[in-house]
Amino acid sequence: MKDLSARPQPTPAALGYRMPAEWHPHESTWLVWPKNPTTWVDRVPQIQETYLRMLALLTPNERVDLLVDDAQTENAVRRKLEGVNVAADQIAFHQIKTVDSWIRDYGPNFLLRQTEEEVELAYNHWTFNAWGNKYEDLKADAAVLEKLGPILGVPRFVPGLVLEGGSIDVSGKGICLTTKQCLLNPNRNPSCSQSEIEQYLKDYLGVHQILWLEEGIAGDDTDGHVDDIARFVNPRTIVCALEEDSTDENYEPLGENYRRLQAARDLDGRPFEIIPLPMPGRVEIPDGRLPASYGNFYIANGVVLIPTFGHANDSRAVGTLQNLFPHRKVIGMDCRPMLWGLGAFHCLTQQQPARISG
């Protein structure tokens, strides 16, 4: 067992910090300009075009902090921006070298706290081991947070626990969603028990209750990140991916997650509203099945970006989220080229909350 007393004190929760929900107003969205030809084989230009569209949709309502490798890359991106309708003054470039673009998983996990005078920002610096030591070259992105520290200029907490941002989702009111397949996987924190990991989440996210789901979707190299299967859309409503084809390998595990959520209760003992989110069928490449899910959407100021896959359920998924976010425009974009990298919008983004109460 890991010695919990060895952790740095006081924890964020002890100081009054908590992780706000994704729909809390943003100050910024953090992105990393895509360029890795191994991640997106023969598709990097398509992914960059998708990023330009993302920038066009995000910048009217919030700043985008964009990591680029060097001045040459920044100049190339600026030239691309000249040909599209993007509020370039809303983009802050940071020349920080990265290997890949999955900033959700290796980037800052932001926190807020309300003091008598103001709302203060801080962040968690979790340990990143490239999804259970699967990709040796991608471990270099663990160094990005050290380089971001002087730019952020706010308090940093270092839990010492391996955790990726896509493995957690919070209600903003004291509850965290995650999966046993990921957080209890021996390739992350083999010396930690479930109760110890729960205590880390409570101490560093400022939550009071953990909702444990079982497994993620087929083709997911992250060992079951929750952002592909279940997401809070308000403090008492969760959308849950549900496969309708009983012959599909996702049918049973997603059904089990749905049943668990139906049986769950909030901090006041009330059931949640669980909204089924359809699945987009099989998306495959010669190497096998890709982790296609509408659950990998991103909630931004004014818009919700949802991946689509050229499937009949695309419009159903968009409509489901539009009903749940009446004050945001839900925009679907074909993510089949992007999915070659085994992720979509939520994996590629990281929200920095605005320093306002809520």
Protein backbone atom coordinates (compact mmCIF):
# COMPACT_ATOMS: atom_id res chain seq x y z
CA MET A 1 0.00 0.00 0.00
CA LYS A 2 1.14 3.53 -0.74
CA ASP A 3 1.84 5.74 2.29
CA LEU A 4 -0.79 8.47 1.99
CA SER A 5 0.93 10.48 4.69
CA ALA A 6 3.84 11.02 2.30
CA ARG A 7 1.71 13.18 0.00
CA PRO A 8 2.33 16.94 0.05
CA GLN A 9 0.01 18.82 2.35
CA PRO A 10 -2.26 20.63 2.39
CA THR A 11 -4.25 19.23 -0.51
CA PRO A 12 -6.32 21.36 -2.89
CA ALA A 13 -9.54 20.27 -1.19
CA ALA A 14 -8.16 21.29 2.20
CA LEU A 15 -7.45 24.74 0.74
CA GLY A 16 -10.93 25.07 -0.75
CA TYR A 17 -10.13 24.24 -4.39
CA ARG A 18 -12.30 22.08 -6.60
CA MET A 19 -12.44 21.07 -10.24
CA PRO A 20 -15.37 22.85 -11.91
CA ALA A 21 -17.60 21.11 -14.44
CA GLU A 22 -16.74 21.53 -18.10
CA TRP A 23 -19.74 23.78 -18.72
CA HIS A 24 -18.42 26.33 -16.22
CA PRO A 25 -17.50 29.42 -18.30
CA HIS A 26 -14.05 29.12 -19.84
CA GLU A 27 -11.25 31.61 -19.92
CA SER A 28 -9.51 29.49 -22.50
CA THR A 29 -9.26 26.20 -24.35
CA TRP A 30 -5.80 24.66 -24.56
CA LEU A 31 -4.83 22.88 -27.80
CA VAL A 32 -1.66 21.44 -29.31
CA TRP A 33 -1.14 21.90 -33.05
CA PRO A 34 -1.22 18.43 -34.64
CA LYS A 35 1.74 17.19 -36.66
CA ASN A 36 2.65 13.63 -35.66
CA PRO A 37 2.69 11.46 -38.82
CA THR A 38 2.74 8.27 -36.77
CA THR A 39 -0.48 9.21 -34.99
CA TRP A 40 -2.35 10.28 -38.10
CA VAL A 41 -0.81 8.26 -40.92
CA ASP A 42 -1.22 10.23 -44.18
CA ARG A 43 -3.88 12.37 -42.51
CA VAL A 44 -2.06 15.23 -40.80
CA PRO A 45 -3.26 17.84 -43.36
CA GLN A 46 -6.87 16.72 -42.78
CA ILE A 47 -6.44 16.96 -39.02
CA GLN A 48 -4.95 20.44 -39.34
CA GLU A 49 -7.98 21.52 -41.40
CA THR A 50 -10.23 20.21 -38.62
CA TYR A 51 -8.21 22.24 -36.11
CA LEU A 52 -8.71 25.38 -38.18
CA ARG A 53 -12.45 24.80 -38.04
CA MET A 54 -12.23 24.19 -34.29
CA LEU A 55 -10.38 27.49 -33.89
CA ALA A 56 -13.06 29.26 -35.93
CA LEU A 57 -15.77 27.87 -33.63
CA LEU A 58 -13.98 28.45 -30.32
CA THR A 59 -12.41 31.89 -30.72
CA PRO A 60 -15.63 33.95 -30.94
CA ASN A 61 -16.37 33.02 -27.32
CA GLU A 62 -13.06 32.28 -25.60
CA ARG A 63 -9.30 32.48 -25.95
CA VAL A 64 -7.40 29.54 -27.36
CA ASP A 65 -3.94 28.78 -25.97
CA LEU A 66 -2.19 26.94 -28.77
CA LEU A 67 1.06 25.03 -28.29
CA VAL A 68 3.36 24.93 -31.32
CA ASP A 69 6.84 23.43 -31.53
CA ASP A 70 8.75 26.52 -32.67
CA ALA A 71 8.63 29.88 -34.45
CA GLN A 72 8.54 28.21 -37.85
CA THR A 73 5.42 26.25 -36.90
CA GLU A 74 3.78 29.34 -35.41
CA ASN A 75 4.38 31.30 -38.61
CA ALA A 76 2.97 28.44 -40.70
CA VAL A 77 -0.17 28.30 -38.54
CA ARG A 78 -0.58 32.07 -38.74
CA ARG A 79 -0.48 31.85 -42.53
CA LYS A 80 -3.17 29.17 -42.46
CA LEU A 81 -5.33 31.38 -40.24
CA GLU A 82 -5.26 34.15 -42.85
CA GLY A 83 -7.41 32.01 -45.12
CA VAL A 84 -10.13 31.19 -42.60
CA ASN A 85 -12.58 33.14 -40.46
CA VAL A 86 -10.71 32.97 -37.17
CA ALA A 87 -10.37 35.71 -34.57
CA ALA A 88 -6.56 35.54 -34.57
CA ASP A 89 -6.27 38.01 -31.70
CA GLN A 90 -8.02 35.37 -29.57
CA ILE A 91 -5.20 32.87 -30.07
CA ALA A 92 -2.22 32.88 -27.72
CA PHE A 93 0.72 30.95 -29.20
CA HIS A 94 3.17 29.16 -26.92
CA GLN A 95 6.34 27.71 -28.42
CA ILE A 96 6.61 24.48 -26.44
CA LYS A 97 7.75 21.32 -28.16
CA THR A 98 5.39 18.34 -27.93
CA VAL A 99 5.31 14.86 -29.39
CA ASP A 100 1.55 14.58 -29.75
CA SER A 101 -1.66 16.53 -29.26
CA TRP A 102 -3.47 14.75 -26.42
CA ILE A 103 -3.33 17.64 -23.97
CA ARG A 104 -6.44 16.40 -22.15
CA ASP A 105 -4.31 13.60 -20.76
CA TYR A 106 -0.94 15.26 -20.07
CA GLY A 107 -1.97 18.89 -19.62
CA PRO A 108 -3.06 20.92 -16.59
CA ASN A 109 -6.14 19.85 -14.64
CA PHE A 110 -7.51 23.21 -13.53
CA LEU A 111 -9.08 24.03 -10.17
CA LEU A 112 -10.89 27.03 -8.69
CA ARG A 113 -11.54 28.32 -5.19
CA GLN A 114 -13.63 31.19 -3.90
CA THR A 115 -12.00 33.46 -1.34
CA GLU A 116 -13.48 36.52 0.31
CA GLU A 117 -11.82 38.75 -2.29
CA GLU A 118 -11.79 36.76 -5.54
CA VAL A 119 -11.93 33.43 -7.36
CA GLU A 120 -8.47 31.87 -7.64
CA LEU A 121 -7.06 29.46 -10.20
CA ALA A 122 -4.68 26.53 -9.61
CA TYR A 123 -3.97 23.24 -11.33
CA ASN A 124 -3.02 19.63 -10.69
CA HIS A 125 0.11 18.19 -12.26
CA TRP A 126 -0.72 14.49 -12.46
CA THR A 127 1.88 11.98 -13.55
CA PHE A 128 1.64 10.92 -17.21
CA ASN A 129 3.06 7.53 -18.26
CA ALA A 130 1.63 7.34 -21.81
CA TRP A 131 -1.46 5.31 -20.93
CA GLY A 132 0.15 2.57 -18.93
CA ASN A 133 3.61 2.66 -20.56
CA LYS A 134 2.19 1.79 -23.99
CA TYR A 135 4.09 4.41 -26.02
CA GLU A 136 7.67 5.12 -24.99
CA ASP A 137 8.09 8.06 -27.38
CA LEU A 138 4.94 9.80 -26.09
CA LYS A 139 6.20 9.82 -22.50
CA ALA A 140 8.18 12.93 -23.44
CA ASP A 141 4.92 14.90 -23.27
CA ALA A 142 5.04 14.48 -19.49
CA ALA A 143 7.52 17.39 -19.54
CA VAL A 144 5.02 19.84 -21.03
CA LEU A 145 3.50 20.82 -17.69
CA GLU A 146 6.87 21.88 -16.29
CA LYS A 147 7.22 24.28 -19.23
CA LEU A 148 3.67 25.59 -18.79
CA GLY A 149 4.23 26.48 -15.14
CA PRO A 150 5.78 29.94 -15.74
CA ILE A 151 3.10 30.74 -18.32
CA LEU A 152 0.22 29.84 -16.03
CA GLY A 153 1.71 31.55 -13.00
CA VAL A 154 -0.75 30.02 -10.53
CA PRO A 155 -0.36 27.45 -7.74
CA ARG A 156 0.49 23.91 -8.81
CA PHE A 157 -0.30 20.71 -6.94
CA VAL A 158 1.64 17.50 -7.63
CA PRO A 159 -0.35 14.47 -6.40
CA GLY A 160 2.25 11.92 -7.49
CA LEU A 161 -0.49 9.71 -8.98
CA VAL A 162 -0.64 8.51 -12.59
CA LEU A 163 -3.87 9.91 -14.02
CA GLU A 164 -5.03 11.21 -17.41
CA GLY A 165 -7.65 13.90 -17.82
CA GLY A 166 -9.82 11.71 -20.01
CA SER A 167 -10.22 9.20 -17.20
CA ILE A 168 -12.33 11.53 -15.03
CA ASP A 169 -15.46 13.64 -15.41
CA VAL A 170 -16.96 15.81 -12.68
CA SER A 171 -20.40 17.21 -11.93
CA GLY A 172 -19.14 20.46 -10.45
CA LYS A 173 -21.18 19.57 -7.36
CA GLY A 174 -18.98 17.03 -5.64
CA ILE A 175 -19.18 13.89 -7.81
CA CYS A 176 -16.58 12.28 -10.08
CA LEU A 177 -17.15 9.65 -12.76
CA THR A 178 -14.39 7.20 -13.66
CA THR A 179 -13.78 3.54 -14.58
CA LYS A 180 -12.21 0.63 -12.78
CA GLN A 181 -10.64 -0.58 -16.02
CA CYS A 182 -8.47 2.55 -16.13
CA LEU A 183 -7.83 3.89 -12.64
CA LEU A 184 -7.47 0.46 -11.03
CA ASN A 185 -5.30 -0.86 -13.85
CA PRO A 186 -1.95 -2.17 -12.55
CA ASN A 187 -0.18 -0.31 -15.38
CA ARG A 188 -1.04 3.02 -13.67
CA ASN A 189 -0.71 2.85 -9.88
CA PRO A 190 -0.13 -0.79 -8.91
CA SER A 191 0.55 -0.02 -5.24
CA CYS A 192 -2.73 1.87 -4.71
CA SER A 193 -6.00 0.31 -3.61
CA GLN A 194 -9.39 1.51 -4.81
CA SER A 195 -10.00 3.35 -1.54
CA GLU A 196 -6.63 5.09 -1.77
CA ILE A 197 -7.32 6.26 -5.32
CA GLU A 198 -10.73 7.50 -4.21
CA GLN A 199 -9.02 9.55 -1.52
CA TYR A 200 -6.66 11.07 -4.09
CA LEU A 201 -9.63 12.10 -6.23
CA LYS A 202 -11.40 13.62 -3.25
CA ASP A 203 -8.29 15.45 -2.07
CA TYR A 204 -7.17 16.78 -5.44
CA LEU A 205 -10.47 17.35 -7.30
CA GLY A 206 -12.47 18.58 -4.33
CA VAL A 207 -15.16 15.92 -4.81
CA HIS A 208 -17.02 13.90 -2.18
CA GLN A 209 -18.26 10.86 -4.11
CA ILE A 210 -16.83 8.61 -6.83
CA LEU A 211 -19.10 6.80 -9.31
CA TRP A 212 -17.18 3.77 -10.57
CA LEU A 213 -18.08 2.31 -13.95
CA GLU A 214 -16.52 -0.90 -15.22
CA GLU A 215 -15.15 -0.96 -18.78
CA GLY A 216 -14.72 1.39 -21.70
CA ILE A 217 -15.29 0.76 -25.39
CA ALA A 218 -13.59 -1.60 -27.81
CA GLY A 219 -10.51 -0.24 -29.56
CA ASP A 220 -9.69 2.20 -26.76
CA ASP A 221 -5.96 2.13 -26.01
CA THR A 222 -6.46 4.20 -22.84
CA ASP A 223 -7.90 1.25 -20.89
CA GLY A 224 -11.40 2.62 -20.63
CA HIS A 225 -11.36 6.40 -20.40
CA VAL A 226 -14.70 7.60 -19.12
CA ASP A 227 -14.94 10.45 -21.65
CA ASP A 228 -15.91 7.88 -24.29
CA ILE A 229 -18.72 6.30 -22.28
CA ALA A 230 -20.40 8.62 -19.75
CA ARG A 231 -20.39 12.38 -19.21
CA PHE A 232 -22.11 14.85 -16.93
CA VAL A 233 -24.11 17.45 -18.86
CA ASN A 234 -25.46 19.12 -15.72
CA PRO A 235 -25.02 18.27 -12.04
CA ARG A 236 -27.84 15.71 -12.05
CA THR A 237 -27.86 14.47 -15.65
CA ILE A 238 -25.45 12.01 -17.25
CA VAL A 239 -25.35 10.95 -20.88
CA CYS A 240 -24.33 7.32 -21.20
CA ALA A 241 -23.16 5.57 -24.38
CA LEU A 242 -25.42 2.61 -25.12
CA GLU A 243 -24.96 0.08 -27.91
CA GLU A 244 -28.26 -1.15 -29.39
CA ASP A 245 -26.82 -4.01 -31.46
CA SER A 246 -26.73 -7.07 -29.21
CA THR A 247 -24.09 -8.70 -31.44
CA ASP A 248 -21.63 -5.83 -30.94
CA GLU A 249 -18.81 -6.35 -28.43
CA ASN A 250 -19.72 -3.04 -26.76
CA TYR A 251 -23.29 -4.17 -26.03
CA GLU A 252 -22.73 -5.89 -22.68
CA PRO A 253 -20.12 -3.58 -21.08
CA LEU A 254 -22.01 -0.42 -22.02
CA GLY A 255 -25.25 -1.95 -20.81
CA GLU A 256 -23.61 -2.73 -17.48
CA ASN A 257 -22.39 0.87 -17.16
CA TYR A 258 -25.89 2.13 -17.93
CA ARG A 259 -27.40 -0.09 -15.25
CA ARG A 260 -24.82 1.08 -12.72
CA LEU A 261 -25.66 4.70 -13.41
CA GLN A 262 -29.38 4.03 -13.12
CA ALA A 263 -28.76 2.57 -9.66
CA ALA A 264 -26.43 5.40 -8.55
CA ARG A 265 -27.52 8.18 -6.23
CA ASP A 266 -26.23 11.71 -5.72
CA LEU A 267 -25.02 13.23 -2.46
CA ASP A 268 -28.63 13.80 -1.40
CA GLY A 269 -29.66 10.23 -2.15
CA ARG A 270 -31.53 11.11 -5.34
CA PRO A 271 -31.23 9.18 -8.63
CA PHE A 272 -29.57 10.84 -11.58
CA GLU A 273 -31.28 11.38 -14.90
CA ILE A 274 -29.50 9.01 -17.29
CA ILE A 275 -29.83 9.86 -20.99
CA PRO A 276 -28.80 7.16 -23.49
CA LEU A 277 -26.37 8.31 -26.18
CA PRO A 278 -26.31 6.03 -29.25
CA MET A 279 -23.15 4.48 -30.62
CA PRO A 280 -21.87 4.95 -34.19
CA GLY A 281 -21.31 1.30 -35.04
CA ARG A 282 -17.96 -0.14 -36.02
CA VAL A 283 -15.27 2.17 -37.39
CA GLU A 284 -12.33 0.06 -38.50
CA ILE A 285 -8.94 0.32 -40.15
CA PRO A 286 -6.70 -2.55 -41.29
CA ASP A 287 -5.17 -2.71 -37.80
CA GLY A 288 -8.53 -3.18 -36.14
CA ARG A 289 -11.44 -1.36 -34.53
CA LEU A 290 -11.19 2.33 -33.59
CA PRO A 291 -12.76 3.78 -30.40
CA ALA A 292 -15.61 5.66 -32.05
CA SER A 293 -17.99 7.31 -29.59
CA TYR A 294 -20.21 10.36 -29.55
CA GLY A 295 -19.30 10.69 -25.87
CA ASN A 296 -15.99 12.35 -26.78
CA PHE A 297 -17.65 15.74 -27.17
CA TYR A 298 -16.23 19.01 -25.84
CA ILE A 299 -18.31 21.65 -24.03
CA ALA A 300 -17.02 25.15 -24.81
CA ASN A 301 -18.39 28.65 -24.39
CA GLY A 302 -21.31 28.93 -26.78
CA VAL A 303 -20.73 25.63 -28.59
CA VAL A 304 -20.47 21.89 -28.07
CA LEU A 305 -18.22 20.04 -30.52
CA ILE A 306 -19.31 16.45 -31.09
CA PRO A 307 -17.53 13.89 -33.29
CA THR A 308 -19.54 12.30 -36.08
CA PHE A 309 -18.69 9.25 -38.15
CA GLY A 310 -20.88 9.14 -41.24
CA HIS A 311 -23.36 6.90 -39.43
CA ALA A 312 -27.15 7.02 -39.28
CA ASN A 313 -26.92 7.78 -35.55
CA ASP A 314 -24.94 11.01 -36.11
CA SER A 315 -28.07 13.16 -36.22
CA ARG A 316 -29.57 11.40 -33.18
CA ALA A 317 -26.46 12.07 -31.13
CA VAL A 318 -26.31 15.71 -32.18
CA GLY A 319 -30.01 16.12 -31.41
CA THR A 320 -29.66 14.50 -28.00
CA LEU A 321 -26.94 16.92 -26.97
CA GLN A 322 -28.71 19.91 -28.51
CA ASN A 323 -31.73 19.20 -26.31
CA LEU A 324 -29.44 19.10 -23.28
CA PHE A 325 -27.54 22.27 -24.19
CA PRO A 326 -30.26 24.65 -25.41
CA HIS A 327 -28.03 27.72 -24.94
CA ARG A 328 -25.09 26.31 -26.90
CA LYS A 329 -24.89 25.36 -30.55
CA VAL A 330 -24.08 21.65 -30.88
CA ILE A 331 -21.90 21.17 -33.94
CA GLY A 332 -21.01 17.79 -35.39
CA MET A 333 -17.80 17.28 -37.37
CA ASP A 334 -16.68 14.15 -39.18
CA CYS A 335 -13.89 12.69 -37.03
CA ARG A 336 -13.09 9.54 -38.97
CA PRO A 337 -9.65 10.84 -40.05
CA MET A 338 -8.99 12.12 -36.52
CA LEU A 339 -10.00 8.77 -35.02
CA TRP A 340 -6.95 7.13 -36.62
CA GLY A 341 -5.12 8.70 -33.67
CA LEU A 342 -7.53 6.89 -31.28
CA GLY A 343 -9.19 10.04 -29.95
CA ALA A 344 -11.48 12.95 -30.78
CA PHE A 345 -12.42 16.42 -29.54
CA HIS A 346 -12.42 15.84 -25.80
CA CYS A 347 -9.05 14.07 -25.90
CA LEU A 348 -7.51 16.98 -27.81
CA THR A 349 -8.77 19.84 -25.61
CA GLN A 350 -8.29 21.08 -22.07
CA GLN A 351 -10.52 23.77 -20.59
CA GLN A 352 -9.20 26.56 -18.39
CA PRO A 353 -12.13 27.83 -16.30
CA ALA A 354 -12.89 31.52 -15.96
CA ARG A 355 -12.21 32.93 -12.51
CA ILE A 356 -15.82 33.50 -11.64
CA SER A 357 -18.01 31.77 -9.06
CA GLY A 358 -20.46 29.14 -10.11
